[in-house]
Amino acid sequence: MASARAARWIRTNIPGIHIPDHIIHRLEKADEQEAEAVNICVELVQKFREIEGVSGIHFMARSRAHIIFSIIKRSEILHKRQINSFYK
């Protein structure tokens, strides 16, 4: 989700997806909503890493694949792995 508007659309139109109000409000208050969305994702990745039994995360970014690399890099989930040069 790159904006509060996108987050609201996802929450309303995709069954099974829950995006809390506080996340949408955080995006609305941000000067750069896409950058704040990346911050939120990085924070969530860090939290997921602490959950025993979680061994992977599925990222989807329709028309924003460049954001995924930023999230992966900032969250350091591949810090010990060599990243394919395609993604650099």
PDB file of N, CA and C in Angstrom:
ATOM      1  N   MET A   1       0.850  -1.174   0.000  1.00  0.00           N
ATOM      2  CA  MET A   1       0.000   0.000   0.000  1.00  0.00           C
ATOM      3  C   MET A   1       0.891   1.230   0.000  1.00  0.00           C
ATOM      4  N   ALA A   2       0.633   2.107  -0.903  1.00  0.00           N
ATOM      5  CA  ALA A   2       1.506   3.268  -1.047  1.00  0.00           C
ATOM      6  C   ALA A   2       0.881   4.540  -0.489  1.00  0.00           C
ATOM      7  N   SER A   3      -0.362   4.438  -0.029  1.00  0.00           N
ATOM      8  CA  SER A   3      -1.040   5.631   0.478  1.00  0.00           C
ATOM      9  C   SER A   3      -2.207   5.208   1.370  1.00  0.00           C
ATOM     10  N   ALA A   4      -2.729   6.177   2.092  1.00  0.00           N
ATOM     11  CA  ALA A   4      -3.915   5.910   2.918  1.00  0.00           C
ATOM     12  C   ALA A   4      -5.092   5.510   2.036  1.00  0.00           C
ATOM     13  N   ARG A   5      -5.210   6.153   0.900  1.00  0.00           N
ATOM     14  CA  ARG A   5      -6.297   5.821  -0.032  1.00  0.00           C
ATOM     15  C   ARG A   5      -6.202   4.366  -0.479  1.00  0.00           C
ATOM     16  N   ALA A   6      -5.000   3.933  -0.837  1.00  0.00           N
ATOM     17  CA  ALA A   6      -4.793   2.544  -1.255  1.00  0.00           C
ATOM     18  C   ALA A   6      -5.085   1.581  -0.108  1.00  0.00           C
ATOM     19  N   ALA A   7      -4.669   1.939   1.093  1.00  0.00           N
ATOM     20  CA  ALA A   7      -4.917   1.082   2.260  1.00  0.00           C
ATOM     21  C   ALA A   7      -6.412   0.921   2.506  1.00  0.00           C
ATOM     22  N   ARG A   8      -7.161   2.011   2.393  1.00  0.00           N
ATOM     23  CA  ARG A   8      -8.621   1.932   2.565  1.00  0.00           C
ATOM     24  C   ARG A   8      -9.249   1.054   1.483  1.00  0.00           C
ATOM     25  N   TRP A   9      -8.780   1.203   0.240  1.00  0.00           N
ATOM     26  CA  TRP A   9      -9.325   0.400  -0.854  1.00  0.00           C
ATOM     27  C   TRP A   9      -9.057  -1.083  -0.611  1.00  0.00           C
ATOM     28  N   ILE A  10      -7.832  -1.411  -0.219  1.00  0.00           N
ATOM     29  CA  ILE A  10      -7.466  -2.801   0.048  1.00  0.00           C
ATOM     30  C   ILE A  10      -8.341  -3.363   1.163  1.00  0.00           C
ATOM     31  N   ARG A  11      -8.477  -2.610   2.241  1.00  0.00           N
ATOM     32  CA  ARG A  11      -9.267  -3.063   3.389  1.00  0.00           C
ATOM     33  C   ARG A  11     -10.724  -3.321   3.004  1.00  0.00           C
ATOM     34  N   THR A  12     -11.265  -2.477   2.143  1.00  0.00           N
ATOM     35  CA  THR A  12     -12.666  -2.589   1.747  1.00  0.00           C
ATOM     36  C   THR A  12     -12.901  -3.667   0.695  1.00  0.00           C
ATOM     37  N   ASN A  13     -11.974  -3.839  -0.224  1.00  0.00           N
ATOM     38  CA  ASN A  13     -12.229  -4.655  -1.411  1.00  0.00           C
ATOM     39  C   ASN A  13     -11.550  -6.021  -1.468  1.00  0.00           C
ATOM     40  N   ILE A  14     -10.650  -6.306  -0.569  1.00  0.00           N
ATOM     41  CA  ILE A  14      -9.962  -7.600  -0.609  1.00  0.00           C
ATOM     42  C   ILE A  14     -10.329  -8.377   0.655  1.00  0.00           C
ATOM     43  N   PRO A  15     -11.121  -9.426   0.479  1.00  0.00           N
ATOM     44  CA  PRO A  15     -11.559 -10.224   1.633  1.00  0.00           C
ATOM     45  C   PRO A  15     -10.375 -10.795   2.421  1.00  0.00           C
ATOM     46  N   GLY A  16     -10.494 -10.755   3.726  1.00  0.00           N
ATOM     47  CA  GLY A  16      -9.467 -11.330   4.587  1.00  0.00           C
ATOM     48  C   GLY A  16      -8.339 -10.392   4.952  1.00  0.00           C
ATOM     49  N   ILE A  17      -8.321  -9.213   4.367  1.00  0.00           N
ATOM     50  CA  ILE A  17      -7.259  -8.242   4.671  1.00  0.00           C
ATOM     51  C   ILE A  17      -7.777  -7.270   5.734  1.00  0.00           C
ATOM     52  N   HIS A  18      -6.999  -7.110   6.781  1.00  0.00           N
ATOM     53  CA  HIS A  18      -7.351  -6.157   7.836  1.00  0.00           C
ATOM     54  C   HIS A  18      -6.218  -5.146   7.970  1.00  0.00           C
ATOM     55  N   ILE A  19      -6.539  -3.908   7.735  1.00  0.00           N
ATOM     56  CA  ILE A  19      -5.578  -2.819   7.944  1.00  0.00           C
ATOM     57  C   ILE A  19      -6.185  -1.928   9.020  1.00  0.00           C
ATOM     58  N   PRO A  20      -5.559  -1.881  10.185  1.00  0.00           N
ATOM     59  CA  PRO A  20      -6.128  -1.112  11.300  1.00  0.00           C
ATOM     60  C   PRO A  20      -6.210   0.384  11.007  1.00  0.00           C
ATOM     61  N   ASP A  21      -7.174   1.025  11.642  1.00  0.00           N
ATOM     62  CA  ASP A  21      -7.353   2.474  11.485  1.00  0.00           C
ATOM     63  C   ASP A  21      -6.074   3.244  11.797  1.00  0.00           C
ATOM     64  N   HIS A  22      -5.344   2.805  12.829  1.00  0.00           N
ATOM     65  CA  HIS A  22      -4.143   3.570  13.218  1.00  0.00           C
ATOM     66  C   HIS A  22      -3.090   3.570  12.105  1.00  0.00           C
ATOM     67  N   ILE A  23      -3.044   2.525  11.295  1.00  0.00           N
ATOM     68  CA  ILE A  23      -2.107   2.497  10.163  1.00  0.00           C
ATOM     69  C   ILE A  23      -2.556   3.499   9.102  1.00  0.00           C
ATOM     70  N   ILE A  24      -3.842   3.517   8.816  1.00  0.00           N
ATOM     71  CA  ILE A  24      -4.368   4.461   7.824  1.00  0.00           C
ATOM     72  C   ILE A  24      -4.170   5.896   8.292  1.00  0.00           C
ATOM     73  N   HIS A  25      -4.416   6.151   9.554  1.00  0.00           N
ATOM     74  CA  HIS A  25      -4.206   7.511  10.087  1.00  0.00           C
ATOM     75  C   HIS A  25      -2.728   7.901  10.023  1.00  0.00           C
ATOM     76  N   ARG A  26      -1.858   6.958  10.307  1.00  0.00           N
ATOM     77  CA  ARG A  26      -0.415   7.235  10.226  1.00  0.00           C
ATOM     78  C   ARG A  26      -0.029   7.620   8.801  1.00  0.00           C
ATOM     79  N   LEU A  27      -0.571   6.913   7.818  1.00  0.00           N
ATOM     80  CA  LEU A  27      -0.298   7.249   6.422  1.00  0.00           C
ATOM     81  C   LEU A  27      -0.861   8.620   6.068  1.00  0.00           C
ATOM     82  N   GLU A  28      -2.073   8.913   6.527  1.00  0.00           N
ATOM     83  CA  GLU A  28      -2.704  10.208   6.229  1.00  0.00           C
ATOM     84  C   GLU A  28      -1.879  11.371   6.765  1.00  0.00           C
ATOM     85  N   LYS A  29      -1.279  11.205   7.922  1.00  0.00           N
ATOM     86  CA  LYS A  29      -0.503  12.285   8.550  1.00  0.00           C
ATOM     87  C   LYS A  29       0.880  12.473   7.934  1.00  0.00           C
ATOM     88  N   ALA A  30       1.350  11.477   7.201  1.00  0.00           N
ATOM     89  CA  ALA A  30       2.711  11.518   6.666  1.00  0.00           C
ATOM     90  C   ALA A  30       2.835  12.526   5.523  1.00  0.00           C
ATOM     91  N   ASP A  31       3.964  13.234   5.485  1.00  0.00           N
ATOM     92  CA  ASP A  31       4.250  14.139   4.363  1.00  0.00           C
ATOM     93  C   ASP A  31       4.441  13.356   3.078  1.00  0.00           C
ATOM     94  N   GLU A  32       5.116  12.214   3.169  1.00  0.00           N
ATOM     95  CA  GLU A  32       5.369  11.326   2.029  1.00  0.00           C
ATOM     96  C   GLU A  32       4.750   9.968   2.355  1.00  0.00           C
ATOM     97  N   GLN A  33       3.533   9.738   1.881  1.00  0.00           N
ATOM     98  CA  GLN A  33       2.815   8.528   2.260  1.00  0.00           C
ATOM     99  C   GLN A  33       3.511   7.257   1.794  1.00  0.00           C
ATOM    100  N   GLU A  34       4.080   7.256   0.608  1.00  0.00           N
ATOM    101  CA  GLU A  34       4.760   6.055   0.132  1.00  0.00           C
ATOM    102  C   GLU A  34       5.970   5.733   1.004  1.00  0.00           C
ATOM    103  N   ALA A  35       6.729   6.726   1.382  1.00  0.00           N
ATOM    104  CA  ALA A  35       7.888   6.510   2.257  1.00  0.00           C
ATOM    105  C   ALA A  35       7.437   5.994   3.618  1.00  0.00           C
ATOM    106  N   GLU A  36       6.334   6.522   4.120  1.00  0.00           N
ATOM    107  CA  GLU A  36       5.811   6.053   5.406  1.00  0.00           C
ATOM    108  C   GLU A  36       5.304   4.622   5.295  1.00  0.00           C
ATOM    109  N   ALA A  37       4.729   4.269   4.160  1.00  0.00           N
ATOM    110  CA  ALA A  37       4.285   2.893   3.933  1.00  0.00           C
ATOM    111  C   ALA A  37       5.478   1.937   3.978  1.00  0.00           C
ATOM    112  N   VAL A  38       6.596   2.357   3.410  1.00  0.00           N
ATOM    113  CA  VAL A  38       7.809   1.546   3.473  1.00  0.00           C
ATOM    114  C   VAL A  38       8.262   1.406   4.922  1.00  0.00           C
ATOM    115  N   ASN A  39       8.236   2.497   5.679  1.00  0.00           N
ATOM    116  CA  ASN A  39       8.603   2.436   7.101  1.00  0.00           C
ATOM    117  C   ASN A  39       7.730   1.435   7.847  1.00  0.00           C
ATOM    118  N   ILE A  40       6.438   1.469   7.582  1.00  0.00           N
ATOM    119  CA  ILE A  40       5.501   0.548   8.232  1.00  0.00           C
ATOM    120  C   ILE A  40       5.840  -0.890   7.874  1.00  0.00           C
ATOM    121  N   CYS A  41       6.119  -1.148   6.609  1.00  0.00           N
ATOM    122  CA  CYS A  41       6.462  -2.510   6.177  1.00  0.00           C
ATOM    123  C   CYS A  41       7.738  -3.007   6.844  1.00  0.00           C
ATOM    124  N   VAL A  42       8.730  -2.150   6.921  1.00  0.00           N
ATOM    125  CA  VAL A  42       9.992  -2.534   7.561  1.00  0.00           C
ATOM    126  C   VAL A  42       9.738  -2.879   9.025  1.00  0.00           C
ATOM    127  N   GLU A  43       8.934  -2.074   9.706  1.00  0.00           N
ATOM    128  CA  GLU A  43       8.600  -2.352  11.107  1.00  0.00           C
ATOM    129  C   GLU A  43       7.871  -3.689  11.244  1.00  0.00           C
ATOM    130  N   LEU A  44       6.935  -3.964  10.339  1.00  0.00           N
ATOM    131  CA  LEU A  44       6.205  -5.228  10.388  1.00  0.00           C
ATOM    132  C   LEU A  44       7.120  -6.418  10.132  1.00  0.00           C
ATOM    133  N   VAL A  45       8.039  -6.286   9.180  1.00  0.00           N
ATOM    134  CA  VAL A  45       8.993  -7.364   8.915  1.00  0.00           C
ATOM    135  C   VAL A  45       9.787  -7.667  10.171  1.00  0.00           C
ATOM    136  N   GLN A  46      10.249  -6.636  10.854  1.00  0.00           N
ATOM    137  CA  GLN A  46      11.007  -6.837  12.085  1.00  0.00           C
ATOM    138  C   GLN A  46      10.174  -7.573  13.134  1.00  0.00           C
ATOM    139  N   LYS A  47       8.905  -7.219  13.253  1.00  0.00           N
ATOM    140  CA  LYS A  47       8.026  -7.897  14.212  1.00  0.00           C
ATOM    141  C   LYS A  47       7.788  -9.351  13.812  1.00  0.00           C
ATOM    142  N   PHE A  48       7.586  -9.605  12.526  1.00  0.00           N
ATOM    143  CA  PHE A  48       7.361 -10.973  12.056  1.00  0.00           C
ATOM    144  C   PHE A  48       8.577 -11.850  12.312  1.00  0.00           C
ATOM    145  N   ARG A  49       9.763 -11.270  12.205  1.00  0.00           N
ATOM    146  CA  ARG A  49      10.997 -12.027  12.428  1.00  0.00           C
ATOM    147  C   ARG A  49      11.093 -12.541  13.858  1.00  0.00           C
ATOM    148  N   GLU A  50      10.415 -11.881  14.783  1.00  0.00           N
ATOM    149  CA  GLU A  50      10.461 -12.270  16.191  1.00  0.00           C
ATOM    150  C   GLU A  50       9.471 -13.382  16.530  1.00  0.00           C
ATOM    151  N   ILE A  51       8.580 -13.724  15.607  1.00  0.00           N
ATOM    152  CA  ILE A  51       7.563 -14.733  15.867  1.00  0.00           C
ATOM    153  C   ILE A  51       8.132 -16.113  15.545  1.00  0.00           C
ATOM    154  N   GLU A  52       8.169 -16.968  16.546  1.00  0.00           N
ATOM    155  CA  GLU A  52       8.680 -18.317  16.353  1.00  0.00           C
ATOM    156  C   GLU A  52       7.817 -19.058  15.333  1.00  0.00           C
ATOM    157  N   GLY A  53       8.477 -19.721  14.406  1.00  0.00           N
ATOM    158  CA  GLY A  53       7.775 -20.492  13.390  1.00  0.00           C
ATOM    159  C   GLY A  53       7.568 -19.758  12.078  1.00  0.00           C
ATOM    160  N   VAL A  54       7.733 -18.446  12.073  1.00  0.00           N
ATOM    161  CA  VAL A  54       7.612 -17.692  10.821  1.00  0.00           C
ATOM    162  C   VAL A  54       8.935 -17.822  10.079  1.00  0.00           C
ATOM    163  N   SER A  55       8.854 -18.347   8.856  1.00  0.00           N
ATOM    164  CA  SER A  55      10.095 -18.575   8.112  1.00  0.00           C
ATOM    165  C   SER A  55      10.121 -17.848   6.776  1.00  0.00           C
ATOM    166  N   GLY A  56       9.140 -16.993   6.532  1.00  0.00           N
ATOM    167  CA  GLY A  56       9.155 -16.256   5.276  1.00  0.00           C
ATOM    168  C   GLY A  56       8.075 -15.187   5.243  1.00  0.00           C
ATOM    169  N   ILE A  57       8.225 -14.286   4.299  1.00  0.00           N
ATOM    170  CA  ILE A  57       7.276 -13.186   4.112  1.00  0.00           C
ATOM    171  C   ILE A  57       7.021 -13.071   2.616  1.00  0.00           C
ATOM    172  N   HIS A  58       5.784 -12.866   2.253  1.00  0.00           N
ATOM    173  CA  HIS A  58       5.422 -12.702   0.843  1.00  0.00           C
ATOM    174  C   HIS A  58       5.163 -11.218   0.592  1.00  0.00           C
ATOM    175  N   PHE A  59       5.942 -10.628  -0.297  1.00  0.00           N
ATOM    176  CA  PHE A  59       5.776  -9.222  -0.648  1.00  0.00           C
ATOM    177  C   PHE A  59       5.048  -9.110  -1.976  1.00  0.00           C
ATOM    178  N   MET A  60       4.131  -8.170  -2.056  1.00  0.00           N
ATOM    179  CA  MET A  60       3.455  -7.849  -3.315  1.00  0.00           C
ATOM    180  C   MET A  60       3.406  -6.331  -3.438  1.00  0.00           C
ATOM    181  N   ALA A  61       3.761  -5.828  -4.591  1.00  0.00           N
ATOM    182  CA  ALA A  61       3.725  -4.384  -4.806  1.00  0.00           C
ATOM    183  C   ALA A  61       3.366  -4.125  -6.263  1.00  0.00           C
ATOM    184  N   ARG A  62       2.109  -4.138  -6.540  1.00  0.00           N
ATOM    185  CA  ARG A  62       1.648  -3.914  -7.914  1.00  0.00           C
ATOM    186  C   ARG A  62       2.168  -2.568  -8.425  1.00  0.00           C
ATOM    187  N   SER A  63       2.888  -2.596  -9.509  1.00  0.00           N
ATOM    188  CA  SER A  63       3.455  -1.403 -10.152  1.00  0.00           C
ATOM    189  C   SER A  63       4.474  -0.671  -9.287  1.00  0.00           C
ATOM    190  N   ARG A  64       4.962  -1.310  -8.225  1.00  0.00           N
ATOM    191  CA  ARG A  64       5.942  -0.666  -7.347  1.00  0.00           C
ATOM    192  C   ARG A  64       6.993  -1.667  -6.872  1.00  0.00           C
ATOM    193  N   ALA A  65       7.485  -2.481  -7.781  1.00  0.00           N
ATOM    194  CA  ALA A  65       8.450  -3.513  -7.417  1.00  0.00           C
ATOM    195  C   ALA A  65       9.708  -2.923  -6.782  1.00  0.00           C
ATOM    196  N   HIS A  66      10.075  -1.713  -7.164  1.00  0.00           N
ATOM    197  CA  HIS A  66      11.273  -1.078  -6.593  1.00  0.00           C
ATOM    198  C   HIS A  66      11.152  -0.906  -5.078  1.00  0.00           C
ATOM    199  N   ILE A  67       9.956  -0.785  -4.591  1.00  0.00           N
ATOM    200  CA  ILE A  67       9.732  -0.612  -3.153  1.00  0.00           C
ATOM    201  C   ILE A  67      10.107  -1.883  -2.393  1.00  0.00           C
ATOM    202  N   ILE A  68       9.843  -3.032  -3.009  1.00  0.00           N
ATOM    203  CA  ILE A  68      10.132  -4.299  -2.340  1.00  0.00           C
ATOM    204  C   ILE A  68      11.616  -4.408  -2.010  1.00  0.00           C
ATOM    205  N   PHE A  69      12.470  -4.050  -2.952  1.00  0.00           N
ATOM    206  CA  PHE A  69      13.905  -4.126  -2.682  1.00  0.00           C
ATOM    207  C   PHE A  69      14.281  -3.209  -1.527  1.00  0.00           C
ATOM    208  N   SER A  70      13.708  -2.021  -1.479  1.00  0.00           N
ATOM    209  CA  SER A  70      13.988  -1.096  -0.387  1.00  0.00           C
ATOM    210  C   SER A  70      13.583  -1.700   0.959  1.00  0.00           C
ATOM    211  N   ILE A  71      12.437  -2.345   1.003  1.00  0.00           N
ATOM    212  CA  ILE A  71      11.963  -2.960   2.242  1.00  0.00           C
ATOM    213  C   ILE A  71      12.891  -4.103   2.650  1.00  0.00           C
ATOM    214  N   ILE A  72      13.251  -4.945   1.694  1.00  0.00           N
ATOM    215  CA  ILE A  72      14.142  -6.070   1.986  1.00  0.00           C
ATOM    216  C   ILE A  72      15.489  -5.567   2.493  1.00  0.00           C
ATOM    217  N   LYS A  73      16.036  -4.566   1.823  1.00  0.00           N
ATOM    218  CA  LYS A  73      17.344  -4.029   2.214  1.00  0.00           C
ATOM    219  C   LYS A  73      17.289  -3.399   3.610  1.00  0.00           C
ATOM    220  N   ARG A  74      16.280  -2.552   3.843  1.00  0.00           N
ATOM    221  CA  ARG A  74      16.192  -1.860   5.135  1.00  0.00           C
ATOM    222  C   ARG A  74      15.874  -2.800   6.288  1.00  0.00           C
ATOM    223  N   SER A  75      15.110  -3.858   6.024  1.00  0.00           N
ATOM    224  CA  SER A  75      14.745  -4.775   7.106  1.00  0.00           C
ATOM    225  C   SER A  75      15.855  -5.781   7.400  1.00  0.00           C
ATOM    226  N   GLU A  76      16.853  -5.849   6.522  1.00  0.00           N
ATOM    227  CA  GLU A  76      18.028  -6.715   6.685  1.00  0.00           C
ATOM    228  C   GLU A  76      17.664  -8.196   6.759  1.00  0.00           C
ATOM    229  N   ILE A  77      16.579  -8.596   6.108  1.00  0.00           N
ATOM    230  CA  ILE A  77      16.199 -10.008   6.165  1.00  0.00           C
ATOM    231  C   ILE A  77      17.133 -10.886   5.340  1.00  0.00           C
ATOM    232  N   LEU A  78      17.882 -10.286   4.441  1.00  0.00           N
ATOM    233  CA  LEU A  78      18.833 -11.052   3.640  1.00  0.00           C
ATOM    234  C   LEU A  78      20.276 -10.655   3.944  1.00  0.00           C
ATOM    235  N   HIS A  79      20.518 -10.117   5.126  1.00  0.00           N
ATOM    236  CA  HIS A  79      21.833  -9.559   5.433  1.00  0.00           C
ATOM    237  C   HIS A  79      22.985 -10.544   5.285  1.00  0.00           C
ATOM    238  N   LYS A  80      22.727 -11.842   5.389  1.00  0.00           N
ATOM    239  CA  LYS A  80      23.799 -12.819   5.243  1.00  0.00           C
ATOM    240  C   LYS A  80      23.777 -13.513   3.886  1.00  0.00           C
ATOM    241  N   ARG A  81      22.881 -13.104   3.022  1.00  0.00           N
ATOM    242  CA  ARG A  81      22.771 -13.731   1.712  1.00  0.00           C
ATOM    243  C   ARG A  81      23.230 -12.771   0.626  1.00  0.00           C
ATOM    244  N   GLN A  82      23.761 -13.314  -0.420  1.00  0.00           N
ATOM    245  CA  GLN A  82      24.153 -12.505  -1.561  1.00  0.00           C
ATOM    246  C   GLN A  82      22.904 -12.193  -2.379  1.00  0.00           C
ATOM    247  N   ILE A  83      22.686 -10.938  -2.690  1.00  0.00           N
ATOM    248  CA  ILE A  83      21.518 -10.524  -3.446  1.00  0.00           C
ATOM    249  C   ILE A  83      21.860 -10.529  -4.928  1.00  0.00           C
ATOM    250  N   ASN A  84      21.001 -11.131  -5.699  1.00  0.00           N
ATOM    251  CA  ASN A  84      21.180 -11.198  -7.148  1.00  0.00           C
ATOM    252  C   ASN A  84      21.364  -9.788  -7.705  1.00  0.00           C
ATOM    253  N   SER A  85      22.308  -9.618  -8.595  1.00  0.00           N
ATOM    254  CA  SER A  85      22.594  -8.297  -9.156  1.00  0.00           C
ATOM    255  C   SER A  85      21.399  -7.701  -9.898  1.00  0.00           C
ATOM    256  N   PHE A  86      20.440  -8.522 -10.295  1.00  0.00           N
ATOM    257  CA  PHE A  86      19.236  -8.046 -10.953  1.00  0.00           C
ATOM    258  C   PHE A  86      18.488  -7.043 -10.081  1.00  0.00           C
ATOM    259  N   TYR A  87      18.551  -7.222  -8.775  1.00  0.00           N
ATOM    260  CA  TYR A  87      17.808  -6.383  -7.838  1.00  0.00           C
ATOM    261  C   TYR A  87      18.580  -5.183  -7.342  1.00  0.00           C
ATOM    262  N   LYS A  88      19.813  -5.024  -7.766  1.00  0.00           N
ATOM    263  CA  LYS A  88      20.619  -3.894  -7.282  1.00  0.00           C
ATOM    264  C   LYS A  88      20.331  -2.654  -8.073  1.00  0.00           C
TER     265      LYS A  88
END
